[in-house]
Amino acid sequence: AAGPVGYCVVEYTFFEQGFVSMLMVAPAA
């Protein structure tokens, strides 16, 4: 309700497979 609390990134550069290159969650969440 107050806005973003985390984000995640998926890319396809790891041997042409999906790769979660970033997962970040706000410390309070």
mmCIF file of all heavy atoms, coordinates in Angstrom:
data_MODEL
# 
_entry.id   MODEL 
# 
loop_
_atom_site.group_PDB 
_atom_site.id 
_atom_site.type_symbol 
_atom_site.label_atom_id 
_atom_site.label_alt_id 
_atom_site.label_comp_id 
_atom_site.label_asym_id 
_atom_site.label_entity_id 
_atom_site.label_seq_id 
_atom_site.pdbx_PDB_ins_code 
_atom_site.Cartn_x 
_atom_site.Cartn_y 
_atom_site.Cartn_z 
_atom_site.occupancy 
_atom_site.B_iso_or_equiv 
_atom_site.pdbx_formal_charge 
_atom_site.auth_seq_id 
_atom_site.auth_comp_id 
_atom_site.auth_asym_id 
_atom_site.auth_atom_id 
_atom_site.pdbx_PDB_model_num 
ATOM 1   N N   . ALA A 1 1  ? 0.819  -1.212  0.000   1.00 0.00 ? 1  ALA A N   1 
ATOM 2   C CA  . ALA A 1 1  ? 0.000  0.000   0.000   1.00 0.00 ? 1  ALA A CA  1 
ATOM 3   C C   . ALA A 1 1  ? 0.854  1.264   0.000   1.00 0.00 ? 1  ALA A C   1 
ATOM 4   O O   . ALA A 1 1  ? 0.480  2.278   -0.589  1.00 0.00 ? 1  ALA A O   1 
ATOM 5   C CB  . ALA A 1 1  ? -0.936 -0.003  1.204   1.00 0.00 ? 1  ALA A CB  1 
ATOM 6   N N   . ALA A 1 2  ? 2.023  1.201   0.634   1.00 0.00 ? 2  ALA A N   1 
ATOM 7   C CA  . ALA A 1 2  ? 2.896  2.372   0.722   1.00 0.00 ? 2  ALA A CA  1 
ATOM 8   C C   . ALA A 1 2  ? 3.923  2.435   -0.407  1.00 0.00 ? 2  ALA A C   1 
ATOM 9   O O   . ALA A 1 2  ? 4.756  3.329   -0.429  1.00 0.00 ? 2  ALA A O   1 
ATOM 10  C CB  . ALA A 1 2  ? 3.617  2.390   2.072   1.00 0.00 ? 2  ALA A CB  1 
ATOM 11  N N   . GLY A 1 3  ? 3.872  1.485   -1.340  1.00 0.00 ? 3  GLY A N   1 
ATOM 12  C CA  . GLY A 1 3  ? 4.810  1.478   -2.451  1.00 0.00 ? 3  GLY A CA  1 
ATOM 13  C C   . GLY A 1 3  ? 5.649  0.227   -2.476  1.00 0.00 ? 3  GLY A C   1 
ATOM 14  O O   . GLY A 1 3  ? 5.393  -0.737  -1.740  1.00 0.00 ? 3  GLY A O   1 
ATOM 15  N N   . PRO A 1 4  ? 6.682  0.203   -3.316  1.00 0.00 ? 4  PRO A N   1 
ATOM 16  C CA  . PRO A 1 4  ? 7.523  -0.988  -3.470  1.00 0.00 ? 4  PRO A CA  1 
ATOM 17  C C   . PRO A 1 4  ? 8.214  -1.407  -2.174  1.00 0.00 ? 4  PRO A C   1 
ATOM 18  O O   . PRO A 1 4  ? 8.666  -0.557  -1.400  1.00 0.00 ? 4  PRO A O   1 
ATOM 19  C CB  . PRO A 1 4  ? 8.549  -0.571  -4.518  1.00 0.00 ? 4  PRO A CB  1 
ATOM 20  C CG  . PRO A 1 4  ? 7.835  0.467   -5.318  1.00 0.00 ? 4  PRO A CG  1 
ATOM 21  C CD  . PRO A 1 4  ? 7.019  1.227   -4.304  1.00 0.00 ? 4  PRO A CD  1 
ATOM 22  N N   . VAL A 1 5  ? 8.260  -2.728  -1.957  1.00 0.00 ? 5  VAL A N   1 
ATOM 23  C CA  . VAL A 1 5  ? 8.937  -3.291  -0.794  1.00 0.00 ? 5  VAL A CA  1 
ATOM 24  C C   . VAL A 1 5  ? 10.032 -4.271  -1.200  1.00 0.00 ? 5  VAL A C   1 
ATOM 25  O O   . VAL A 1 5  ? 10.757 -4.779  -0.356  1.00 0.00 ? 5  VAL A O   1 
ATOM 26  C CB  . VAL A 1 5  ? 7.946  -3.972  0.172   1.00 0.00 ? 5  VAL A CB  1 
ATOM 27  C CG1 . VAL A 1 5  ? 7.037  -2.934  0.818   1.00 0.00 ? 5  VAL A CG1 1 
ATOM 28  C CG2 . VAL A 1 5  ? 7.132  -5.043  -0.533  1.00 0.00 ? 5  VAL A CG2 1 
ATOM 29  N N   . GLY A 1 6  ? 10.161 -4.528  -2.511  1.00 0.00 ? 6  GLY A N   1 
ATOM 30  C CA  . GLY A 1 6  ? 11.202 -5.422  -2.988  1.00 0.00 ? 6  GLY A CA  1 
ATOM 31  C C   . GLY A 1 6  ? 11.155 -5.533  -4.493  1.00 0.00 ? 6  GLY A C   1 
ATOM 32  O O   . GLY A 1 6  ? 10.191 -5.102  -5.128  1.00 0.00 ? 6  GLY A O   1 
ATOM 33  N N   . TYR A 1 7  ? 12.240 -6.085  -5.041  1.00 0.00 ? 7  TYR A N   1 
ATOM 34  C CA  . TYR A 1 7  ? 12.274 -6.332  -6.479  1.00 0.00 ? 7  TYR A CA  1 
ATOM 35  C C   . TYR A 1 7  ? 13.162 -7.518  -6.791  1.00 0.00 ? 7  TYR A C   1 
ATOM 36  O O   . TYR A 1 7  ? 13.983 -7.939  -5.974  1.00 0.00 ? 7  TYR A O   1 
ATOM 37  C CB  . TYR A 1 7  ? 12.696 -5.088  -7.265  1.00 0.00 ? 7  TYR A CB  1 
ATOM 38  C CG  . TYR A 1 7  ? 14.160 -4.712  -7.168  1.00 0.00 ? 7  TYR A CG  1 
ATOM 39  C CD1 . TYR A 1 7  ? 15.062 -5.123  -8.142  1.00 0.00 ? 7  TYR A CD1 1 
ATOM 40  C CD2 . TYR A 1 7  ? 14.634 -3.932  -6.120  1.00 0.00 ? 7  TYR A CD2 1 
ATOM 41  C CE1 . TYR A 1 7  ? 16.407 -4.770  -8.071  1.00 0.00 ? 7  TYR A CE1 1 
ATOM 42  C CE2 . TYR A 1 7  ? 15.974 -3.571  -6.046  1.00 0.00 ? 7  TYR A CE2 1 
ATOM 43  C CZ  . TYR A 1 7  ? 16.848 -3.991  -7.016  1.00 0.00 ? 7  TYR A CZ  1 
ATOM 44  O OH  . TYR A 1 7  ? 18.181 -3.645  -6.942  1.00 0.00 ? 7  TYR A OH  1 
ATOM 45  N N   . CYS A 1 8  ? 12.956 -8.051  -7.977  1.00 0.00 ? 8  CYS A N   1 
ATOM 46  C CA  . CYS A 1 8  ? 13.675 -9.234  -8.430  1.00 0.00 ? 8  CYS A CA  1 
ATOM 47  C C   . CYS A 1 8  ? 13.915 -9.092  -9.930  1.00 0.00 ? 8  CYS A C   1 
ATOM 48  O O   . CYS A 1 8  ? 13.085 -8.515  -10.634 1.00 0.00 ? 8  CYS A O   1 
ATOM 49  C CB  . CYS A 1 8  ? 12.816 -10.460 -8.141  1.00 0.00 ? 8  CYS A CB  1 
ATOM 50  S SG  . CYS A 1 8  ? 13.595 -12.045 -8.403  1.00 0.00 ? 8  CYS A SG  1 
ATOM 51  N N   . VAL A 1 9  ? 15.039 -9.608  -10.400 1.00 0.00 ? 9  VAL A N   1 
ATOM 52  C CA  . VAL A 1 9  ? 15.399 -9.497  -11.810 1.00 0.00 ? 9  VAL A CA  1 
ATOM 53  C C   . VAL A 1 9  ? 15.684 -10.883 -12.359 1.00 0.00 ? 9  VAL A C   1 
ATOM 54  O O   . VAL A 1 9  ? 16.418 -11.660 -11.749 1.00 0.00 ? 9  VAL A O   1 
ATOM 55  C CB  . VAL A 1 9  ? 16.646 -8.600  -11.984 1.00 0.00 ? 9  VAL A CB  1 
ATOM 56  C CG1 . VAL A 1 9  ? 17.074 -8.538  -13.444 1.00 0.00 ? 9  VAL A CG1 1 
ATOM 57  C CG2 . VAL A 1 9  ? 16.390 -7.206  -11.424 1.00 0.00 ? 9  VAL A CG2 1 
ATOM 58  N N   . VAL A 1 10 ? 15.085 -11.189 -13.518 1.00 0.00 ? 10 VAL A N   1 
ATOM 59  C CA  . VAL A 1 10 ? 15.385 -12.440 -14.207 1.00 0.00 ? 10 VAL A CA  1 
ATOM 60  C C   . VAL A 1 10 ? 15.917 -12.098 -15.589 1.00 0.00 ? 10 VAL A C   1 
ATOM 61  O O   . VAL A 1 10 ? 15.342 -11.283 -16.306 1.00 0.00 ? 10 VAL A O   1 
ATOM 62  C CB  . VAL A 1 10 ? 14.172 -13.392 -14.276 1.00 0.00 ? 10 VAL A CB  1 
ATOM 63  C CG1 . VAL A 1 10 ? 13.037 -12.821 -15.071 1.00 0.00 ? 10 VAL A CG1 1 
ATOM 64  C CG2 . VAL A 1 10 ? 14.575 -14.755 -14.814 1.00 0.00 ? 10 VAL A CG2 1 
ATOM 65  N N   . GLU A 1 11 ? 17.069 -12.704 -15.930 1.00 0.00 ? 11 GLU A N   1 
ATOM 66  C CA  . GLU A 1 11 ? 17.705 -12.484 -17.225 1.00 0.00 ? 11 GLU A CA  1 
ATOM 67  C C   . GLU A 1 11 ? 17.963 -13.849 -17.873 1.00 0.00 ? 11 GLU A C   1 
ATOM 68  O O   . GLU A 1 11 ? 17.857 -14.881 -17.213 1.00 0.00 ? 11 GLU A O   1 
ATOM 69  C CB  . GLU A 1 11 ? 19.009 -11.700 -17.045 1.00 0.00 ? 11 GLU A CB  1 
ATOM 70  C CG  . GLU A 1 11 ? 18.750 -10.322 -16.410 1.00 0.00 ? 11 GLU A CG  1 
ATOM 71  C CD  . GLU A 1 11 ? 20.015 -9.543  -16.144 1.00 0.00 ? 11 GLU A CD  1 
ATOM 72  O OE1 . GLU A 1 11 ? 20.712 -9.851  -15.155 1.00 0.00 ? 11 GLU A OE1 1 
ATOM 73  O OE2 . GLU A 1 11 ? 20.308 -8.634  -16.929 1.00 0.00 ? 11 GLU A OE2 1 
ATOM 74  N N   . TYR A 1 12 ? 18.306 -13.826 -19.139 1.00 0.00 ? 12 TYR A N   1 
ATOM 75  C CA  . TYR A 1 12 ? 18.469 -15.074 -19.900 1.00 0.00 ? 12 TYR A CA  1 
ATOM 76  C C   . TYR A 1 12 ? 19.862 -15.159 -20.532 1.00 0.00 ? 12 TYR A C   1 
ATOM 77  O O   . TYR A 1 12 ? 20.015 -15.613 -21.649 1.00 0.00 ? 12 TYR A O   1 
ATOM 78  C CB  . TYR A 1 12 ? 17.356 -15.195 -20.954 1.00 0.00 ? 12 TYR A CB  1 
ATOM 79  C CG  . TYR A 1 12 ? 16.016 -15.307 -20.298 1.00 0.00 ? 12 TYR A CG  1 
ATOM 80  C CD1 . TYR A 1 12 ? 15.245 -14.176 -20.049 1.00 0.00 ? 12 TYR A CD1 1 
ATOM 81  C CD2 . TYR A 1 12 ? 15.542 -16.536 -19.864 1.00 0.00 ? 12 TYR A CD2 1 
ATOM 82  C CE1 . TYR A 1 12 ? 14.028 -14.270 -19.399 1.00 0.00 ? 12 TYR A CE1 1 
ATOM 83  C CE2 . TYR A 1 12 ? 14.325 -16.648 -19.207 1.00 0.00 ? 12 TYR A CE2 1 
ATOM 84  C CZ  . TYR A 1 12 ? 13.577 -15.512 -18.982 1.00 0.00 ? 12 TYR A CZ  1 
ATOM 85  O OH  . TYR A 1 12 ? 12.377 -15.604 -18.329 1.00 0.00 ? 12 TYR A OH  1 
ATOM 86  N N   . THR A 1 13 ? 20.861 -14.768 -19.779 1.00 0.00 ? 13 THR A N   1 
ATOM 87  C CA  . THR A 1 13 ? 22.231 -14.762 -20.290 1.00 0.00 ? 13 THR A CA  1 
ATOM 88  C C   . THR A 1 13 ? 23.082 -15.888 -19.689 1.00 0.00 ? 13 THR A C   1 
ATOM 89  O O   . THR A 1 13 ? 24.251 -16.000 -20.011 1.00 0.00 ? 13 THR A O   1 
ATOM 90  C CB  . THR A 1 13 ? 22.903 -13.409 -19.985 1.00 0.00 ? 13 THR A CB  1 
ATOM 91  O OG1 . THR A 1 13 ? 22.819 -13.161 -18.577 1.00 0.00 ? 13 THR A OG1 1 
ATOM 92  C CG2 . THR A 1 13 ? 22.216 -12.282 -20.739 1.00 0.00 ? 13 THR A CG2 1 
ATOM 93  N N   . PHE A 1 14 ? 22.505 -16.720 -18.849 1.00 0.00 ? 14 PHE A N   1 
ATOM 94  C CA  . PHE A 1 14 ? 23.212 -17.816 -18.193 1.00 0.00 ? 14 PHE A CA  1 
ATOM 95  C C   . PHE A 1 14 ? 22.966 -19.097 -18.988 1.00 0.00 ? 14 PHE A C   1 
ATOM 96  O O   . PHE A 1 14 ? 21.969 -19.784 -18.786 1.00 0.00 ? 14 PHE A O   1 
ATOM 97  C CB  . PHE A 1 14 ? 22.726 -17.960 -16.744 1.00 0.00 ? 14 PHE A CB  1 
ATOM 98  C CG  . PHE A 1 14 ? 23.479 -18.972 -15.925 1.00 0.00 ? 14 PHE A CG  1 
ATOM 99  C CD1 . PHE A 1 14 ? 24.761 -18.701 -15.470 1.00 0.00 ? 14 PHE A CD1 1 
ATOM 100 C CD2 . PHE A 1 14 ? 22.903 -20.180 -15.592 1.00 0.00 ? 14 PHE A CD2 1 
ATOM 101 C CE1 . PHE A 1 14 ? 25.456 -19.621 -14.693 1.00 0.00 ? 14 PHE A CE1 1 
ATOM 102 C CE2 . PHE A 1 14 ? 23.579 -21.115 -14.815 1.00 0.00 ? 14 PHE A CE2 1 
ATOM 103 C CZ  . PHE A 1 14 ? 24.861 -20.827 -14.375 1.00 0.00 ? 14 PHE A CZ  1 
ATOM 104 N N   . PHE A 1 15 ? 23.833 -19.364 -19.963 1.00 0.00 ? 15 PHE A N   1 
ATOM 105 C CA  . PHE A 1 15 ? 23.697 -20.535 -20.828 1.00 0.00 ? 15 PHE A CA  1 
ATOM 106 C C   . PHE A 1 15 ? 22.308 -20.596 -21.462 1.00 0.00 ? 15 PHE A C   1 
ATOM 107 O O   . PHE A 1 15 ? 21.721 -21.660 -21.610 1.00 0.00 ? 15 PHE A O   1 
ATOM 108 C CB  . PHE A 1 15 ? 24.007 -21.826 -20.068 1.00 0.00 ? 15 PHE A CB  1 
ATOM 109 C CG  . PHE A 1 15 ? 25.410 -21.882 -19.542 1.00 0.00 ? 15 PHE A CG  1 
ATOM 110 C CD1 . PHE A 1 15 ? 25.685 -21.524 -18.227 1.00 0.00 ? 15 PHE A CD1 1 
ATOM 111 C CD2 . PHE A 1 15 ? 26.464 -22.251 -20.361 1.00 0.00 ? 15 PHE A CD2 1 
ATOM 112 C CE1 . PHE A 1 15 ? 26.981 -21.564 -17.739 1.00 0.00 ? 15 PHE A CE1 1 
ATOM 113 C CE2 . PHE A 1 15 ? 27.761 -22.297 -19.885 1.00 0.00 ? 15 PHE A CE2 1 
ATOM 114 C CZ  . PHE A 1 15 ? 28.025 -21.945 -18.570 1.00 0.00 ? 15 PHE A CZ  1 
ATOM 115 N N   . GLU A 1 16 ? 21.768 -19.434 -21.788 1.00 0.00 ? 16 GLU A N   1 
ATOM 116 C CA  . GLU A 1 16 ? 20.443 -19.273 -22.404 1.00 0.00 ? 16 GLU A CA  1 
ATOM 117 C C   . GLU A 1 16 ? 19.316 -19.807 -21.527 1.00 0.00 ? 16 GLU A C   1 
ATOM 118 O O   . GLU A 1 16 ? 18.237 -20.130 -22.013 1.00 0.00 ? 16 GLU A O   1 
ATOM 119 C CB  . GLU A 1 16 ? 20.410 -19.891 -23.804 1.00 0.00 ? 16 GLU A CB  1 
ATOM 120 C CG  . GLU A 1 16 ? 21.386 -19.211 -24.751 1.00 0.00 ? 16 GLU A CG  1 
ATOM 121 C CD  . GLU A 1 16 ? 21.354 -19.786 -26.155 1.00 0.00 ? 16 GLU A CD  1 
ATOM 122 O OE1 . GLU A 1 16 ? 20.490 -20.626 -26.458 1.00 0.00 ? 16 GLU A OE1 1 
ATOM 123 O OE2 . GLU A 1 16 ? 22.202 -19.370 -26.953 1.00 0.00 ? 16 GLU A OE2 1 
ATOM 124 N N   . GLN A 1 17 ? 19.544 -19.870 -20.229 1.00 0.00 ? 17 GLN A N   1 
ATOM 125 C CA  . GLN A 1 17 ? 18.515 -20.260 -19.256 1.00 0.00 ? 17 GLN A CA  1 
ATOM 126 C C   . GLN A 1 17 ? 18.168 -19.034 -18.417 1.00 0.00 ? 17 GLN A C   1 
ATOM 127 O O   . GLN A 1 17 ? 18.919 -18.069 -18.354 1.00 0.00 ? 17 GLN A O   1 
ATOM 128 C CB  . GLN A 1 17 ? 19.035 -21.379 -18.339 1.00 0.00 ? 17 GLN A CB  1 
ATOM 129 C CG  . GLN A 1 17 ? 19.367 -22.654 -19.060 1.00 0.00 ? 17 GLN A CG  1 
ATOM 130 C CD  . GLN A 1 17 ? 18.152 -23.312 -19.685 1.00 0.00 ? 17 GLN A CD  1 
ATOM 131 O OE1 . GLN A 1 17 ? 17.095 -23.434 -19.073 1.00 0.00 ? 17 GLN A OE1 1 
ATOM 132 N NE2 . GLN A 1 17 ? 18.291 -23.725 -20.934 1.00 0.00 ? 17 GLN A NE2 1 
ATOM 133 N N   . GLY A 1 18 ? 17.028 -19.091 -17.745 1.00 0.00 ? 18 GLY A N   1 
ATOM 134 C CA  . GLY A 1 18 ? 16.671 -18.009 -16.837 1.00 0.00 ? 18 GLY A CA  1 
ATOM 135 C C   . GLY A 1 18 ? 17.629 -17.967 -15.660 1.00 0.00 ? 18 GLY A C   1 
ATOM 136 O O   . GLY A 1 18 ? 18.088 -19.009 -15.176 1.00 0.00 ? 18 GLY A O   1 
ATOM 137 N N   . PHE A 1 19 ? 17.925 -16.756 -15.211 1.00 0.00 ? 19 PHE A N   1 
ATOM 138 C CA  . PHE A 1 19 ? 18.810 -16.574 -14.060 1.00 0.00 ? 19 PHE A CA  1 
ATOM 139 C C   . PHE A 1 19 ? 18.309 -15.392 -13.247 1.00 0.00 ? 19 PHE A C   1 
ATOM 140 O O   . PHE A 1 19 ? 18.159 -14.284 -13.772 1.00 0.00 ? 19 PHE A O   1 
ATOM 141 C CB  . PHE A 1 19 ? 20.258 -16.319 -14.499 1.00 0.00 ? 19 PHE A CB  1 
ATOM 142 C CG  . PHE A 1 19 ? 21.236 -16.378 -13.360 1.00 0.00 ? 19 PHE A CG  1 
ATOM 143 C CD1 . PHE A 1 19 ? 21.804 -17.586 -12.983 1.00 0.00 ? 19 PHE A CD1 1 
ATOM 144 C CD2 . PHE A 1 19 ? 21.569 -15.233 -12.651 1.00 0.00 ? 19 PHE A CD2 1 
ATOM 145 C CE1 . PHE A 1 19 ? 22.701 -17.648 -11.922 1.00 0.00 ? 19 PHE A CE1 1 
ATOM 146 C CE2 . PHE A 1 19 ? 22.464 -15.287 -11.591 1.00 0.00 ? 19 PHE A CE2 1 
ATOM 147 C CZ  . PHE A 1 19 ? 23.029 -16.508 -11.222 1.00 0.00 ? 19 PHE A CZ  1 
ATOM 148 N N   . VAL A 1 20 ? 18.023 -15.623 -11.983 1.00 0.00 ? 20 VAL A N   1 
ATOM 149 C CA  . VAL A 1 20 ? 17.641 -14.539 -11.083 1.00 0.00 ? 20 VAL A CA  1 
ATOM 150 C C   . VAL A 1 20 ? 18.936 -13.845 -10.676 1.00 0.00 ? 20 VAL A C   1 
ATOM 151 O O   . VAL A 1 20 ? 19.702 -14.354 -9.865  1.00 0.00 ? 20 VAL A O   1 
ATOM 152 C CB  . VAL A 1 20 ? 16.876 -15.057 -9.848  1.00 0.00 ? 20 VAL A CB  1 
ATOM 153 C CG1 . VAL A 1 20 ? 16.609 -13.918 -8.870  1.00 0.00 ? 20 VAL A CG1 1 
ATOM 154 C CG2 . VAL A 1 20 ? 15.577 -15.720 -10.280 1.00 0.00 ? 20 VAL A CG2 1 
ATOM 155 N N   . SER A 1 21 ? 19.175 -12.690 -11.274 1.00 0.00 ? 21 SER A N   1 
ATOM 156 C CA  . SER A 1 21 ? 20.430 -11.979 -11.031 1.00 0.00 ? 21 SER A CA  1 
ATOM 157 C C   . SER A 1 21 ? 20.339 -11.021 -9.850  1.00 0.00 ? 21 SER A C   1 
ATOM 158 O O   . SER A 1 21 ? 21.373 -10.546 -9.366  1.00 0.00 ? 21 SER A O   1 
ATOM 159 C CB  . SER A 1 21 ? 20.866 -11.228 -12.288 1.00 0.00 ? 21 SER A CB  1 
ATOM 160 O OG  . SER A 1 21 ? 19.858 -10.344 -12.705 1.00 0.00 ? 21 SER A OG  1 
ATOM 161 N N   . MET A 1 22 ? 19.124 -10.749 -9.366  1.00 0.00 ? 22 MET A N   1 
ATOM 162 C CA  . MET A 1 22 ? 18.972 -9.855  -8.223  1.00 0.00 ? 22 MET A CA  1 
ATOM 163 C C   . MET A 1 22 ? 17.664 -10.158 -7.515  1.00 0.00 ? 22 MET A C   1 
ATOM 164 O O   . MET A 1 22 ? 16.628 -10.345 -8.164  1.00 0.00 ? 22 MET A O   1 
ATOM 165 C CB  . MET A 1 22 ? 18.961 -8.396  -8.691  1.00 0.00 ? 22 MET A CB  1 
ATOM 166 C CG  . MET A 1 22 ? 18.738 -7.386  -7.589  1.00 0.00 ? 22 MET A CG  1 
ATOM 167 S SD  . MET A 1 22 ? 19.969 -7.431  -6.275  1.00 0.00 ? 22 MET A SD  1 
ATOM 168 C CE  . MET A 1 22 ? 21.461 -7.125  -7.191  1.00 0.00 ? 22 MET A CE  1 
ATOM 169 N N   . LEU A 1 23 ? 17.730 -10.204 -6.207  1.00 0.00 ? 23 LEU A N   1 
ATOM 170 C CA  . LEU A 1 23 ? 16.547 -10.248 -5.350  1.00 0.00 ? 23 LEU A CA  1 
ATOM 171 C C   . LEU A 1 23 ? 16.847 -9.325  -4.180  1.00 0.00 ? 23 LEU A C   1 
ATOM 172 O O   . LEU A 1 23 ? 17.818 -9.545  -3.450  1.00 0.00 ? 23 LEU A O   1 
ATOM 173 C CB  . LEU A 1 23 ? 16.255 -11.660 -4.852  1.00 0.00 ? 23 LEU A CB  1 
ATOM 174 C CG  . LEU A 1 23 ? 15.108 -11.772 -3.841  1.00 0.00 ? 23 LEU A CG  1 
ATOM 175 C CD1 . LEU A 1 23 ? 13.780 -11.368 -4.476  1.00 0.00 ? 23 LEU A CD1 1 
ATOM 176 C CD2 . LEU A 1 23 ? 15.018 -13.180 -3.287  1.00 0.00 ? 23 LEU A CD2 1 
ATOM 177 N N   . MET A 1 24 ? 16.045 -8.291  -4.039  1.00 0.00 ? 24 MET A N   1 
ATOM 178 C CA  . MET A 1 24 ? 16.250 -7.334  -2.959  1.00 0.00 ? 24 MET A CA  1 
ATOM 179 C C   . MET A 1 24 ? 14.912 -7.051  -2.295  1.00 0.00 ? 24 MET A C   1 
ATOM 180 O O   . MET A 1 24 ? 13.929 -6.737  -2.980  1.00 0.00 ? 24 MET A O   1 
ATOM 181 C CB  . MET A 1 24 ? 16.834 -6.029  -3.509  1.00 0.00 ? 24 MET A CB  1 
ATOM 182 C CG  . MET A 1 24 ? 17.069 -4.953  -2.460  1.00 0.00 ? 24 MET A CG  1 
ATOM 183 S SD  . MET A 1 24 ? 18.207 -5.396  -1.124  1.00 0.00 ? 24 MET A SD  1 
ATOM 184 C CE  . MET A 1 24 ? 19.763 -5.511  -2.000  1.00 0.00 ? 24 MET A CE  1 
ATOM 185 N N   . VAL A 1 25 ? 14.889 -7.187  -0.983  1.00 0.00 ? 25 VAL A N   1 
ATOM 186 C CA  . VAL A 1 25 ? 13.702 -6.861  -0.198  1.00 0.00 ? 25 VAL A CA  1 
ATOM 187 C C   . VAL A 1 25 ? 14.122 -5.804  0.816   1.00 0.00 ? 25 VAL A C   1 
ATOM 188 O O   . VAL A 1 25 ? 15.179 -5.916  1.443   1.00 0.00 ? 25 VAL A O   1 
ATOM 189 C CB  . VAL A 1 25 ? 13.141 -8.116  0.509   1.00 0.00 ? 25 VAL A CB  1 
ATOM 190 C CG1 . VAL A 1 25 ? 11.959 -7.755  1.407   1.00 0.00 ? 25 VAL A CG1 1 
ATOM 191 C CG2 . VAL A 1 25 ? 12.735 -9.171  -0.518  1.00 0.00 ? 25 VAL A CG2 1 
ATOM 192 N N   . ALA A 1 26 ? 13.296 -4.779  0.957   1.00 0.00 ? 26 ALA A N   1 
ATOM 193 C CA  . ALA A 1 26 ? 13.581 -3.724  1.928   1.00 0.00 ? 26 ALA A CA  1 
ATOM 194 C C   . ALA A 1 26 ? 13.770 -4.347  3.305   1.00 0.00 ? 26 ALA A C   1 
ATOM 195 O O   . ALA A 1 26 ? 13.015 -5.252  3.690   1.00 0.00 ? 26 ALA A O   1 
ATOM 196 C CB  . ALA A 1 26 ? 12.443 -2.716  1.955   1.00 0.00 ? 26 ALA A CB  1 
ATOM 197 N N   . PRO A 1 27 ? 14.765 -3.894  4.063   1.00 0.00 ? 27 PRO A N   1 
ATOM 198 C CA  . PRO A 1 27 ? 15.013 -4.487  5.381   1.00 0.00 ? 27 PRO A CA  1 
ATOM 199 C C   . PRO A 1 27 ? 13.760 -4.578  6.262   1.00 0.00 ? 27 PRO A C   1 
ATOM 200 O O   . PRO A 1 27 ? 13.539 -5.589  6.922   1.00 0.00 ? 27 PRO A O   1 
ATOM 201 C CB  . PRO A 1 27 ? 16.074 -3.564  5.986   1.00 0.00 ? 27 PRO A CB  1 
ATOM 202 C CG  . PRO A 1 27 ? 16.834 -3.068  4.784   1.00 0.00 ? 27 PRO A CG  1 
ATOM 203 C CD  . PRO A 1 27 ? 15.777 -2.881  3.721   1.00 0.00 ? 27 PRO A CD  1 
ATOM 204 N N   . ALA A 1 28 ? 12.913 -3.560  6.245   1.00 0.00 ? 28 ALA A N   1 
ATOM 205 C CA  . ALA A 1 28 ? 11.711 -3.561  7.089   1.00 0.00 ? 28 ALA A CA  1 
ATOM 206 C C   . ALA A 1 28 ? 10.669 -4.570  6.627   1.00 0.00 ? 28 ALA A C   1 
ATOM 207 O O   . ALA A 1 28 ? 9.752  -4.896  7.380   1.00 0.00 ? 28 ALA A O   1 
ATOM 208 C CB  . ALA A 1 28 ? 11.091 -2.158  7.118   1.00 0.00 ? 28 ALA A CB  1 
ATOM 209 N N   . ALA A 1 29 ? 10.784 -5.078  5.399   1.00 0.00 ? 29 ALA A N   1 
ATOM 210 C CA  . ALA A 1 29 ? 9.789  -6.002  4.848   1.00 0.00 ? 29 ALA A CA  1 
ATOM 211 C C   . ALA A 1 29 ? 10.273 -7.445  4.830   1.00 0.00 ? 29 ALA A C   1 
ATOM 212 O O   . ALA A 1 29 ? 9.539  -8.337  4.393   1.00 0.00 ? 29 ALA A O   1 
ATOM 213 C CB  . ALA A 1 29 ? 9.410  -5.559  3.436   1.00 0.00 ? 29 ALA A CB  1 
# 
